[in-house]
Amino acid sequence: MISRHPDRDQIRIEAVLSALGHPMRLTVVRVLNDGGEHNCGSILDGISKSTMTHHWRVLRDSGVIWQRPSGRENLLSLRREDLDTRYPGLLNAILEGARLDAESDQGAKPS
């Protein structure tokens, strides 16, 4: 059973920043930022189910994602509207920083 999601006014900045401070969870948010719902097994490959369950819980409990059951799976979506209302510009700044870091990492790797 999925725990209750925090209401918009219960989302706390320290929980959001902590959740997004992990590279794997930040990658998940980058994928979910494209919009819509994603099957929990389709976002990252090669990660154990127990590890992913932990990361889903952190993201859900911090108020970053919605997680809803659908048959034998869960569907995930970004709580973009709630995060933008609660902390205007924060998600855009974090995602832009992640994009710049990824580009920088690509340029630093030898060909």
PDB file of N, CA and C in Angstrom:
ATOM      1  N   MET A   1       0.833  -1.177   0.000  1.00  0.00           N
ATOM      2  CA  MET A   1       0.000   0.000   0.000  1.00  0.00           C
ATOM      3  C   MET A   1       0.880   1.244   0.000  1.00  0.00           C
ATOM      4  N   ILE A   2       0.496   2.235  -0.779  1.00  0.00           N
ATOM      5  CA  ILE A   2       1.255   3.466  -0.888  1.00  0.00           C
ATOM      6  C   ILE A   2       0.850   4.414   0.233  1.00  0.00           C
ATOM      7  N   SER A   3       1.872   4.981   0.888  1.00  0.00           N
ATOM      8  CA  SER A   3       1.613   5.953   1.947  1.00  0.00           C
ATOM      9  C   SER A   3       0.926   7.177   1.378  1.00  0.00           C
ATOM     10  N   ARG A   4       0.335   7.933   2.266  1.00  0.00           N
ATOM     11  CA  ARG A   4      -0.324   9.162   1.867  1.00  0.00           C
ATOM     12  C   ARG A   4       0.715  10.168   1.378  1.00  0.00           C
ATOM     13  N   HIS A   5       0.383  10.841   0.291  1.00  0.00           N
ATOM     14  CA  HIS A   5       1.240  11.896  -0.223  1.00  0.00           C
ATOM     15  C   HIS A   5       1.036  13.147   0.637  1.00  0.00           C
ATOM     16  N   PRO A   6       2.086  13.941   0.845  1.00  0.00           N
ATOM     17  CA  PRO A   6       1.871  15.174   1.603  1.00  0.00           C
ATOM     18  C   PRO A   6       1.019  16.154   0.799  1.00  0.00           C
ATOM     19  N   ASP A   7       0.177  16.901   1.489  1.00  0.00           N
ATOM     20  CA  ASP A   7      -0.562  17.974   0.839  1.00  0.00           C
ATOM     21  C   ASP A   7       0.439  19.040   0.412  1.00  0.00           C
ATOM     22  N   ARG A   8       0.021  19.877  -0.526  1.00  0.00           N
ATOM     23  CA  ARG A   8       0.924  20.916  -1.036  1.00  0.00           C
ATOM     24  C   ARG A   8       1.531  21.737   0.091  1.00  0.00           C
ATOM     25  N   ASP A   9       0.731  22.150   1.057  1.00  0.00           N
ATOM     26  CA  ASP A   9       1.244  23.005   2.130  1.00  0.00           C
ATOM     27  C   ASP A   9       2.099  22.250   3.150  1.00  0.00           C
ATOM     28  N   GLN A  10       2.164  20.935   3.014  1.00  0.00           N
ATOM     29  CA  GLN A  10       3.011  20.129   3.899  1.00  0.00           C
ATOM     30  C   GLN A  10       4.385  19.848   3.283  1.00  0.00           C
ATOM     31  N   ILE A  11       4.577  20.198   2.021  1.00  0.00           N
ATOM     32  CA  ILE A  11       5.867  19.996   1.364  1.00  0.00           C
ATOM     33  C   ILE A  11       6.858  20.975   1.977  1.00  0.00           C
ATOM     34  N   ARG A  12       8.023  20.458   2.338  1.00  0.00           N
ATOM     35  CA  ARG A  12       9.057  21.272   2.987  1.00  0.00           C
ATOM     36  C   ARG A  12      10.307  21.320   2.112  1.00  0.00           C
ATOM     37  N   ILE A  13      10.892  22.507   2.062  1.00  0.00           N
ATOM     38  CA  ILE A  13      12.052  22.728   1.207  1.00  0.00           C
ATOM     39  C   ILE A  13      13.203  21.779   1.542  1.00  0.00           C
ATOM     40  N   GLU A  14      13.441  21.520   2.811  1.00  0.00           N
ATOM     41  CA  GLU A  14      14.564  20.650   3.181  1.00  0.00           C
ATOM     42  C   GLU A  14      14.342  19.218   2.690  1.00  0.00           C
ATOM     43  N   ALA A  15      13.102  18.764   2.680  1.00  0.00           N
ATOM     44  CA  ALA A  15      12.802  17.418   2.179  1.00  0.00           C
ATOM     45  C   ALA A  15      12.974  17.355   0.665  1.00  0.00           C
ATOM     46  N   VAL A  16      12.528  18.396  -0.033  1.00  0.00           N
ATOM     47  CA  VAL A  16      12.661  18.442  -1.493  1.00  0.00           C
ATOM     48  C   VAL A  16      14.133  18.465  -1.880  1.00  0.00           C
ATOM     49  N   LEU A  17      14.909  19.343  -1.245  1.00  0.00           N
ATOM     50  CA  LEU A  17      16.331  19.445  -1.578  1.00  0.00           C
ATOM     51  C   LEU A  17      17.079  18.162  -1.239  1.00  0.00           C
ATOM     52  N   SER A  18      16.736  17.548  -0.130  1.00  0.00           N
ATOM     53  CA  SER A  18      17.371  16.283   0.235  1.00  0.00           C
ATOM     54  C   SER A  18      17.048  15.197  -0.786  1.00  0.00           C
ATOM     55  N   ALA A  19      15.782  15.117  -1.200  1.00  0.00           N
ATOM     56  CA  ALA A  19      15.369  14.116  -2.186  1.00  0.00           C
ATOM     57  C   ALA A  19      16.091  14.334  -3.512  1.00  0.00           C
ATOM     58  N   LEU A  20      16.200  15.588  -3.932  1.00  0.00           N
ATOM     59  CA  LEU A  20      16.819  15.886  -5.219  1.00  0.00           C
ATOM     60  C   LEU A  20      18.345  15.912  -5.150  1.00  0.00           C
ATOM     61  N   GLY A  21      18.894  15.790  -3.949  1.00  0.00           N
ATOM     62  CA  GLY A  21      20.344  15.780  -3.781  1.00  0.00           C
ATOM     63  C   GLY A  21      21.002  14.464  -4.138  1.00  0.00           C
ATOM     64  N   HIS A  22      20.221  13.439  -4.410  1.00  0.00           N
ATOM     65  CA  HIS A  22      20.774  12.136  -4.797  1.00  0.00           C
ATOM     66  C   HIS A  22      20.750  12.037  -6.316  1.00  0.00           C
ATOM     67  N   PRO A  23      21.871  11.687  -6.946  1.00  0.00           N
ATOM     68  CA  PRO A  23      21.932  11.654  -8.416  1.00  0.00           C
ATOM     69  C   PRO A  23      20.884  10.761  -9.072  1.00  0.00           C
ATOM     70  N   MET A  24      20.579   9.622  -8.482  1.00  0.00           N
ATOM     71  CA  MET A  24      19.591   8.722  -9.086  1.00  0.00           C
ATOM     72  C   MET A  24      18.197   9.339  -9.041  1.00  0.00           C
ATOM     73  N   ARG A  25      17.860   9.951  -7.917  1.00  0.00           N
ATOM     74  CA  ARG A  25      16.536  10.579  -7.804  1.00  0.00           C
ATOM     75  C   ARG A  25      16.437  11.806  -8.706  1.00  0.00           C
ATOM     76  N   LEU A  26      17.524  12.538  -8.863  1.00  0.00           N
ATOM     77  CA  LEU A  26      17.525  13.678  -9.766  1.00  0.00           C
ATOM     78  C   LEU A  26      17.331  13.216 -11.202  1.00  0.00           C
ATOM     79  N   THR A  27      17.922  12.099 -11.575  1.00  0.00           N
ATOM     80  CA  THR A  27      17.712  11.531 -12.908  1.00  0.00           C
ATOM     81  C   THR A  27      16.246  11.165 -13.109  1.00  0.00           C
ATOM     82  N   VAL A  28      15.637  10.583 -12.110  1.00  0.00           N
ATOM     83  CA  VAL A  28      14.213  10.236 -12.185  1.00  0.00           C
ATOM     84  C   VAL A  28      13.382  11.493 -12.438  1.00  0.00           C
ATOM     85  N   VAL A  29      13.663  12.548 -11.717  1.00  0.00           N
ATOM     86  CA  VAL A  29      12.904  13.794 -11.871  1.00  0.00           C
ATOM     87  C   VAL A  29      13.131  14.385 -13.263  1.00  0.00           C
ATOM     88  N   ARG A  30      14.336  14.274 -13.777  1.00  0.00           N
ATOM     89  CA  ARG A  30      14.600  14.761 -15.142  1.00  0.00           C
ATOM     90  C   ARG A  30      13.742  13.996 -16.155  1.00  0.00           C
ATOM     91  N   VAL A  31      13.599  12.696 -15.967  1.00  0.00           N
ATOM     92  CA  VAL A  31      12.754  11.892 -16.861  1.00  0.00           C
ATOM     93  C   VAL A  31      11.290  12.284 -16.696  1.00  0.00           C
ATOM     94  N   LEU A  32      10.837  12.396 -15.464  1.00  0.00           N
ATOM     95  CA  LEU A  32       9.435  12.725 -15.205  1.00  0.00           C
ATOM     96  C   LEU A  32       9.086  14.141 -15.649  1.00  0.00           C
ATOM     97  N   ASN A  33      10.069  15.003 -15.748  1.00  0.00           N
ATOM     98  CA  ASN A  33       9.822  16.384 -16.162  1.00  0.00           C
ATOM     99  C   ASN A  33       9.278  16.475 -17.583  1.00  0.00           C
ATOM    100  N   ASP A  34       9.438  15.432 -18.376  1.00  0.00           N
ATOM    101  CA  ASP A  34       8.892  15.422 -19.738  1.00  0.00           C
ATOM    102  C   ASP A  34       7.370  15.380 -19.732  1.00  0.00           C
ATOM    103  N   GLY A  35       6.783  15.118 -18.575  1.00  0.00           N
ATOM    104  CA  GLY A  35       5.329  15.125 -18.438  1.00  0.00           C
ATOM    105  C   GLY A  35       4.724  13.742 -18.470  1.00  0.00           C
ATOM    106  N   GLY A  36       3.469  13.665 -18.064  1.00  0.00           N
ATOM    107  CA  GLY A  36       2.736  12.411 -18.067  1.00  0.00           C
ATOM    108  C   GLY A  36       3.160  11.476 -16.961  1.00  0.00           C
ATOM    109  N   GLU A  37       2.548  10.294 -16.996  1.00  0.00           N
ATOM    110  CA  GLU A  37       2.863   9.251 -16.018  1.00  0.00           C
ATOM    111  C   GLU A  37       3.810   8.249 -16.658  1.00  0.00           C
ATOM    112  N   HIS A  38       4.703   7.740 -15.830  1.00  0.00           N
ATOM    113  CA  HIS A  38       5.666   6.743 -16.277  1.00  0.00           C
ATOM    114  C   HIS A  38       5.566   5.509 -15.390  1.00  0.00           C
ATOM    115  N   ASN A  39       5.626   4.360 -16.006  1.00  0.00           N
ATOM    116  CA  ASN A  39       5.682   3.097 -15.294  1.00  0.00           C
ATOM    117  C   ASN A  39       6.962   3.090 -14.468  1.00  0.00           C
ATOM    118  N   CYS A  40       6.871   2.670 -13.222  1.00  0.00           N
ATOM    119  CA  CYS A  40       8.038   2.721 -12.337  1.00  0.00           C
ATOM    120  C   CYS A  40       9.208   1.885 -12.849  1.00  0.00           C
ATOM    121  N   GLY A  41       8.939   0.858 -13.629  1.00  0.00           N
ATOM    122  CA  GLY A  41      10.016   0.024 -14.153  1.00  0.00           C
ATOM    123  C   GLY A  41      10.635   0.542 -15.430  1.00  0.00           C
ATOM    124  N   SER A  42      10.092   1.610 -15.979  1.00  0.00           N
ATOM    125  CA  SER A  42      10.587   2.102 -17.269  1.00  0.00           C
ATOM    126  C   SER A  42      11.515   3.301 -17.160  1.00  0.00           C
ATOM    127  N   ILE A  43      11.767   3.763 -15.965  1.00  0.00           N
ATOM    128  CA  ILE A  43      12.537   5.002 -15.813  1.00  0.00           C
ATOM    129  C   ILE A  43      14.036   4.744 -15.781  1.00  0.00           C
ATOM    130  N   LEU A  44      14.474   3.778 -15.005  1.00  0.00           N
ATOM    131  CA  LEU A  44      15.898   3.461 -14.903  1.00  0.00           C
ATOM    132  C   LEU A  44      16.103   1.967 -15.112  1.00  0.00           C
ATOM    133  N   ASP A  45      17.142   1.625 -15.828  1.00  0.00           N
ATOM    134  CA  ASP A  45      17.461   0.216 -16.072  1.00  0.00           C
ATOM    135  C   ASP A  45      18.591  -0.244 -15.154  1.00  0.00           C
ATOM    136  N   GLY A  46      18.585  -1.516 -14.841  1.00  0.00           N
ATOM    137  CA  GLY A  46      19.678  -2.121 -14.101  1.00  0.00           C
ATOM    138  C   GLY A  46      19.712  -1.815 -12.617  1.00  0.00           C
ATOM    139  N   ILE A  47      18.613  -1.348 -12.054  1.00  0.00           N
ATOM    140  CA  ILE A  47      18.545  -1.033 -10.630  1.00  0.00           C
ATOM    141  C   ILE A  47      17.598  -2.030  -9.967  1.00  0.00           C
ATOM    142  N   SER A  48      18.003  -2.554  -8.817  1.00  0.00           N
ATOM    143  CA  SER A  48      17.162  -3.542  -8.148  1.00  0.00           C
ATOM    144  C   SER A  48      15.834  -2.920  -7.716  1.00  0.00           C
ATOM    145  N   LYS A  49      14.834  -3.774  -7.635  1.00  0.00           N
ATOM    146  CA  LYS A  49      13.490  -3.316  -7.254  1.00  0.00           C
ATOM    147  C   LYS A  49      13.503  -2.698  -5.858  1.00  0.00           C
ATOM    148  N   SER A  50      14.245  -3.287  -4.934  1.00  0.00           N
ATOM    149  CA  SER A  50      14.270  -2.752  -3.564  1.00  0.00           C
ATOM    150  C   SER A  50      14.928  -1.373  -3.524  1.00  0.00           C
ATOM    151  N   THR A  51      15.952  -1.172  -4.320  1.00  0.00           N
ATOM    152  CA  THR A  51      16.601   0.143  -4.376  1.00  0.00           C
ATOM    153  C   THR A  51      15.651   1.175  -4.954  1.00  0.00           C
ATOM    154  N   MET A  52      14.974   0.813  -6.034  1.00  0.00           N
ATOM    155  CA  MET A  52      14.051   1.755  -6.650  1.00  0.00           C
ATOM    156  C   MET A  52      12.877   2.063  -5.716  1.00  0.00           C
ATOM    157  N   THR A  53      12.386   1.060  -5.002  1.00  0.00           N
ATOM    158  CA  THR A  53      11.295   1.271  -4.050  1.00  0.00           C
ATOM    159  C   THR A  53      11.699   2.314  -3.015  1.00  0.00           C
ATOM    160  N   HIS A  54      12.928   2.228  -2.545  1.00  0.00           N
ATOM    161  CA  HIS A  54      13.434   3.218  -1.586  1.00  0.00           C
ATOM    162  C   HIS A  54      13.407   4.616  -2.191  1.00  0.00           C
ATOM    163  N   HIS A  55      13.913   4.756  -3.411  1.00  0.00           N
ATOM    164  CA  HIS A  55      13.971   6.074  -4.048  1.00  0.00           C
ATOM    165  C   HIS A  55      12.581   6.622  -4.341  1.00  0.00           C
ATOM    166  N   TRP A  56      11.640   5.744  -4.748  1.00  0.00           N
ATOM    167  CA  TRP A  56      10.259   6.204  -4.971  1.00  0.00           C
ATOM    168  C   TRP A  56       9.683   6.746  -3.667  1.00  0.00           C
ATOM    169  N   ARG A  57       9.932   6.033  -2.567  1.00  0.00           N
ATOM    170  CA  ARG A  57       9.393   6.456  -1.272  1.00  0.00           C
ATOM    171  C   ARG A  57       9.945   7.824  -0.873  1.00  0.00           C
ATOM    172  N   VAL A  58      11.242   8.031  -1.043  1.00  0.00           N
ATOM    173  CA  VAL A  58      11.844   9.324  -0.689  1.00  0.00           C
ATOM    174  C   VAL A  58      11.230  10.445  -1.526  1.00  0.00           C
ATOM    175  N   LEU A  59      11.110  10.210  -2.833  1.00  0.00           N
ATOM    176  CA  LEU A  59      10.535  11.232  -3.717  1.00  0.00           C
ATOM    177  C   LEU A  59       9.058  11.493  -3.396  1.00  0.00           C
ATOM    178  N   ARG A  60       8.314  10.444  -3.132  1.00  0.00           N
ATOM    179  CA  ARG A  60       6.893  10.579  -2.805  1.00  0.00           C
ATOM    180  C   ARG A  60       6.709  11.285  -1.461  1.00  0.00           C
ATOM    181  N   ASP A  61       7.416  10.826  -0.440  1.00  0.00           N
ATOM    182  CA  ASP A  61       7.244  11.386   0.895  1.00  0.00           C
ATOM    183  C   ASP A  61       7.699  12.841   0.986  1.00  0.00           C
ATOM    184  N   SER A  62       8.610  13.250   0.114  1.00  0.00           N
ATOM    185  CA  SER A  62       9.076  14.635   0.112  1.00  0.00           C
ATOM    186  C   SER A  62       8.136  15.548  -0.669  1.00  0.00           C
ATOM    187  N   GLY A  63       7.203  14.958  -1.420  1.00  0.00           N
ATOM    188  CA  GLY A  63       6.264  15.743  -2.198  1.00  0.00           C
ATOM    189  C   GLY A  63       6.720  16.048  -3.607  1.00  0.00           C
ATOM    190  N   VAL A  64       7.754  15.366  -4.076  1.00  0.00           N
ATOM    191  CA  VAL A  64       8.290  15.616  -5.416  1.00  0.00           C
ATOM    192  C   VAL A  64       7.502  14.870  -6.491  1.00  0.00           C
ATOM    193  N   ILE A  65       7.008  13.674  -6.179  1.00  0.00           N
ATOM    194  CA  ILE A  65       6.273  12.902  -7.180  1.00  0.00           C
ATOM    195  C   ILE A  65       4.923  12.439  -6.645  1.00  0.00           C
ATOM    196  N   TRP A  66       4.040  12.128  -7.586  1.00  0.00           N
ATOM    197  CA  TRP A  66       2.817  11.376  -7.312  1.00  0.00           C
ATOM    198  C   TRP A  66       3.111   9.932  -7.674  1.00  0.00           C
ATOM    199  N   GLN A  67       2.631   9.013  -6.891  1.00  0.00           N
ATOM    200  CA  GLN A  67       2.767   7.584  -7.171  1.00  0.00           C
ATOM    201  C   GLN A  67       1.393   6.967  -6.981  1.00  0.00           C
ATOM    202  N   ARG A  68       0.909   6.307  -8.038  1.00  0.00           N
ATOM    203  CA  ARG A  68      -0.409   5.686  -7.908  1.00  0.00           C
ATOM    204  C   ARG A  68      -0.365   4.274  -8.467  1.00  0.00           C
ATOM    205  N   PRO A  69      -1.061   3.356  -7.785  1.00  0.00           N
ATOM    206  CA  PRO A  69      -1.115   1.976  -8.250  1.00  0.00           C
ATOM    207  C   PRO A  69      -1.889   1.874  -9.562  1.00  0.00           C
ATOM    208  N   SER A  70      -1.413   0.981 -10.411  1.00  0.00           N
ATOM    209  CA  SER A  70      -2.084   0.673 -11.670  1.00  0.00           C
ATOM    210  C   SER A  70      -1.820  -0.795 -11.964  1.00  0.00           C
ATOM    211  N   GLY A  71      -2.775  -1.638 -11.587  1.00  0.00           N
ATOM    212  CA  GLY A  71      -2.562  -3.081 -11.735  1.00  0.00           C
ATOM    213  C   GLY A  71      -1.448  -3.546 -10.821  1.00  0.00           C
ATOM    214  N   ARG A  72      -0.465  -4.227 -11.404  1.00  0.00           N
ATOM    215  CA  ARG A  72       0.656  -4.762 -10.621  1.00  0.00           C
ATOM    216  C   ARG A  72       1.820  -3.787 -10.531  1.00  0.00           C
ATOM    217  N   GLU A  73       1.651  -2.589 -11.058  1.00  0.00           N
ATOM    218  CA  GLU A  73       2.728  -1.614 -11.084  1.00  0.00           C
ATOM    219  C   GLU A  73       2.273  -0.314 -10.437  1.00  0.00           C
ATOM    220  N   ASN A  74       3.198   0.612 -10.364  1.00  0.00           N
ATOM    221  CA  ASN A  74       2.887   1.967  -9.934  1.00  0.00           C
ATOM    222  C   ASN A  74       3.246   2.919 -11.060  1.00  0.00           C
ATOM    223  N   LEU A  75       2.439   3.945 -11.203  1.00  0.00           N
ATOM    224  CA  LEU A  75       2.723   4.997 -12.175  1.00  0.00           C
ATOM    225  C   LEU A  75       3.207   6.220 -11.409  1.00  0.00           C
ATOM    226  N   LEU A  76       4.225   6.854 -11.957  1.00  0.00           N
ATOM    227  CA  LEU A  76       4.849   7.998 -11.315  1.00  0.00           C
ATOM    228  C   LEU A  76       4.678   9.238 -12.179  1.00  0.00           C
ATOM    229  N   SER A  77       4.492  10.369 -11.530  1.00  0.00           N
ATOM    230  CA  SER A  77       4.468  11.642 -12.236  1.00  0.00           C
ATOM    231  C   SER A  77       5.030  12.712 -11.316  1.00  0.00           C
ATOM    232  N   LEU A  78       5.561  13.742 -11.929  1.00  0.00           N
ATOM    233  CA  LEU A  78       6.166  14.846 -11.195  1.00  0.00           C
ATOM    234  C   LEU A  78       5.079  15.778 -10.660  1.00  0.00           C
ATOM    235  N   ARG A  79       5.232  16.220  -9.442  1.00  0.00           N
ATOM    236  CA  ARG A  79       4.281  17.165  -8.853  1.00  0.00           C
ATOM    237  C   ARG A  79       4.694  18.591  -9.216  1.00  0.00           C
ATOM    238  N   ARG A  80       4.819  18.838 -10.493  1.00  0.00           N
ATOM    239  CA  ARG A  80       5.324  20.103 -11.022  1.00  0.00           C
ATOM    240  C   ARG A  80       4.491  21.292 -10.529  1.00  0.00           C
ATOM    241  N   GLU A  81       3.176  21.195 -10.648  1.00  0.00           N
ATOM    242  CA  GLU A  81       2.322  22.322 -10.245  1.00  0.00           C
ATOM    243  C   GLU A  81       2.478  22.630  -8.757  1.00  0.00           C
ATOM    244  N   ASP A  82       2.495  21.601  -7.935  1.00  0.00           N
ATOM    245  CA  ASP A  82       2.636  21.818  -6.490  1.00  0.00           C
ATOM    246  C   ASP A  82       3.993  22.422  -6.158  1.00  0.00           C
ATOM    247  N   LEU A  83       5.054  21.911  -6.770  1.00  0.00           N
ATOM    248  CA  LEU A  83       6.393  22.428  -6.485  1.00  0.00           C
ATOM    249  C   LEU A  83       6.558  23.858  -6.994  1.00  0.00           C
ATOM    250  N   ASP A  84       6.014  24.141  -8.183  1.00  0.00           N
ATOM    251  CA  ASP A  84       6.114  25.497  -8.724  1.00  0.00           C
ATOM    252  C   ASP A  84       5.310  26.490  -7.898  1.00  0.00           C
ATOM    253  N   THR A  85       4.178  26.062  -7.371  1.00  0.00           N
ATOM    254  CA  THR A  85       3.372  26.944  -6.528  1.00  0.00           C
ATOM    255  C   THR A  85       4.057  27.190  -5.194  1.00  0.00           C
ATOM    256  N   ARG A  86       4.583  26.127  -4.626  1.00  0.00           N
ATOM    257  CA  ARG A  86       5.202  26.213  -3.300  1.00  0.00           C
ATOM    258  C   ARG A  86       6.537  26.952  -3.347  1.00  0.00           C
ATOM    259  N   TYR A  87       7.357  26.645  -4.351  1.00  0.00           N
ATOM    260  CA  TYR A  87       8.706  27.208  -4.475  1.00  0.00           C
ATOM    261  C   TYR A  87       8.939  27.654  -5.920  1.00  0.00           C
ATOM    262  N   PRO A  88       8.398  28.804  -6.312  1.00  0.00           N
ATOM    263  CA  PRO A  88       8.495  29.247  -7.707  1.00  0.00           C
ATOM    264  C   PRO A  88       9.948  29.302  -8.200  1.00  0.00           C
ATOM    265  N   GLY A  89      10.173  28.668  -9.343  1.00  0.00           N
ATOM    266  CA  GLY A  89      11.490  28.690  -9.978  1.00  0.00           C
ATOM    267  C   GLY A  89      12.469  27.647  -9.475  1.00  0.00           C
ATOM    268  N   LEU A  90      12.196  27.029  -8.336  1.00  0.00           N
ATOM    269  CA  LEU A  90      13.157  26.074  -7.758  1.00  0.00           C
ATOM    270  C   LEU A  90      13.405  24.886  -8.670  1.00  0.00           C
ATOM    271  N   LEU A  91      12.338  24.242  -9.107  1.00  0.00           N
ATOM    272  CA  LEU A  91      12.499  23.041  -9.928  1.00  0.00           C
ATOM    273  C   LEU A  91      13.200  23.379 -11.249  1.00  0.00           C
ATOM    274  N   ASN A  92      12.834  24.488 -11.854  1.00  0.00           N
ATOM    275  CA  ASN A  92      13.499  24.887 -13.102  1.00  0.00           C
ATOM    276  C   ASN A  92      14.996  25.101 -12.879  1.00  0.00           C
ATOM    277  N   ALA A  93      15.351  25.758 -11.784  1.00  0.00           N
ATOM    278  CA  ALA A  93      16.757  26.019 -11.490  1.00  0.00           C
ATOM    279  C   ALA A  93      17.522  24.718 -11.247  1.00  0.00           C
ATOM    280  N   ILE A  94      16.937  23.800 -10.514  1.00  0.00           N
ATOM    281  CA  ILE A  94      17.596  22.527 -10.231  1.00  0.00           C
ATOM    282  C   ILE A  94      17.765  21.714 -11.515  1.00  0.00           C
ATOM    283  N   LEU A  95      16.724  21.652 -12.325  1.00  0.00           N
ATOM    284  CA  LEU A  95      16.806  20.882 -13.571  1.00  0.00           C
ATOM    285  C   LEU A  95      17.790  21.518 -14.549  1.00  0.00           C
ATOM    286  N   GLU A  96      17.829  22.827 -14.601  1.00  0.00           N
ATOM    287  CA  GLU A  96      18.808  23.506 -15.469  1.00  0.00           C
ATOM    288  C   GLU A  96      20.225  23.238 -14.974  1.00  0.00           C
ATOM    289  N   GLY A  97      20.433  23.282 -13.670  1.00  0.00           N
ATOM    290  CA  GLY A  97      21.744  22.954 -13.109  1.00  0.00           C
ATOM    291  C   GLY A  97      22.158  21.527 -13.428  1.00  0.00           C
ATOM    292  N   ALA A  98      21.216  20.609 -13.339  1.00  0.00           N
ATOM    293  CA  ALA A  98      21.512  19.202 -13.663  1.00  0.00           C
ATOM    294  C   ALA A  98      21.864  19.057 -15.147  1.00  0.00           C
ATOM    295  N   ARG A  99      21.149  19.794 -16.003  1.00  0.00           N
ATOM    296  CA  ARG A  99      21.439  19.743 -17.437  1.00  0.00           C
ATOM    297  C   ARG A  99      22.840  20.286 -17.724  1.00  0.00           C
ATOM    298  N   LEU A 100      23.184  21.410 -17.113  1.00  0.00           N
ATOM    299  CA  LEU A 100      24.512  21.992 -17.311  1.00  0.00           C
ATOM    300  C   LEU A 100      25.616  21.069 -16.798  1.00  0.00           C
ATOM    301  N   ASP A 101      25.381  20.446 -15.645  1.00  0.00           N
ATOM    302  CA  ASP A 101      26.361  19.498 -15.108  1.00  0.00           C
ATOM    303  C   ASP A 101      26.550  18.314 -16.048  1.00  0.00           C
ATOM    304  N   ALA A 102      25.441  17.803 -16.596  1.00  0.00           N
ATOM    305  CA  ALA A 102      25.516  16.663 -17.520  1.00  0.00           C
ATOM    306  C   ALA A 102      26.299  17.053 -18.763  1.00  0.00           C
ATOM    307  N   GLU A 103      26.046  18.254 -19.282  1.00  0.00           N
ATOM    308  CA  GLU A 103      26.799  18.710 -20.455  1.00  0.00           C
ATOM    309  C   GLU A 103      28.272  18.870 -20.135  1.00  0.00           C
ATOM    310  N   SER A 104      28.563  19.403 -18.969  1.00  0.00           N
ATOM    311  CA  SER A 104      29.943  19.577 -18.534  1.00  0.00           C
ATOM    312  C   SER A 104      30.643  18.232 -18.383  1.00  0.00           C
ATOM    313  N   ASP A 105      29.936  17.259 -17.819  1.00  0.00           N
ATOM    314  CA  ASP A 105      30.501  15.911 -17.666  1.00  0.00           C
ATOM    315  C   ASP A 105      30.772  15.276 -19.008  1.00  0.00           C
ATOM    316  N   GLN A 106      29.902  15.506 -19.973  1.00  0.00           N
ATOM    317  CA  GLN A 106      30.079  14.944 -21.326  1.00  0.00           C
ATOM    318  C   GLN A 106      31.340  15.532 -21.968  1.00  0.00           C
ATOM    319  N   GLY A 107      31.553  16.822 -21.790  1.00  0.00           N
ATOM    320  CA  GLY A 107      32.719  17.484 -22.378  1.00  0.00           C
ATOM    321  C   GLY A 107      34.015  17.093 -21.710  1.00  0.00           C
ATOM    322  N   ALA A 108      33.961  16.647 -20.455  1.00  0.00           N
ATOM    323  CA  ALA A 108      35.166  16.303 -19.707  1.00  0.00           C
ATOM    324  C   ALA A 108      35.651  14.890 -19.990  1.00  0.00           C
ATOM    325  N   LYS A 109      34.797  14.057 -20.579  1.00  0.00           N
ATOM    326  CA  LYS A 109      35.179  12.661 -20.832  1.00  0.00           C
ATOM    327  C   LYS A 109      36.036  12.562 -22.085  1.00  0.00           C
ATOM    328  N   PRO A 110      37.108  11.753 -22.013  1.00  0.00           N
ATOM    329  CA  PRO A 110      37.942  11.581 -23.210  1.00  0.00           C
ATOM    330  C   PRO A 110      37.189  10.841 -24.307  1.00  0.00           C
ATOM    331  N   SER A 111      37.472  11.200 -25.566  1.00  0.00           N
ATOM    332  CA  SER A 111      36.793  10.554 -26.674  1.00  0.00           C
ATOM    333  C   SER A 111      37.428   9.261 -27.074  1.00  0.00           C
TER     334      SER A 111
END
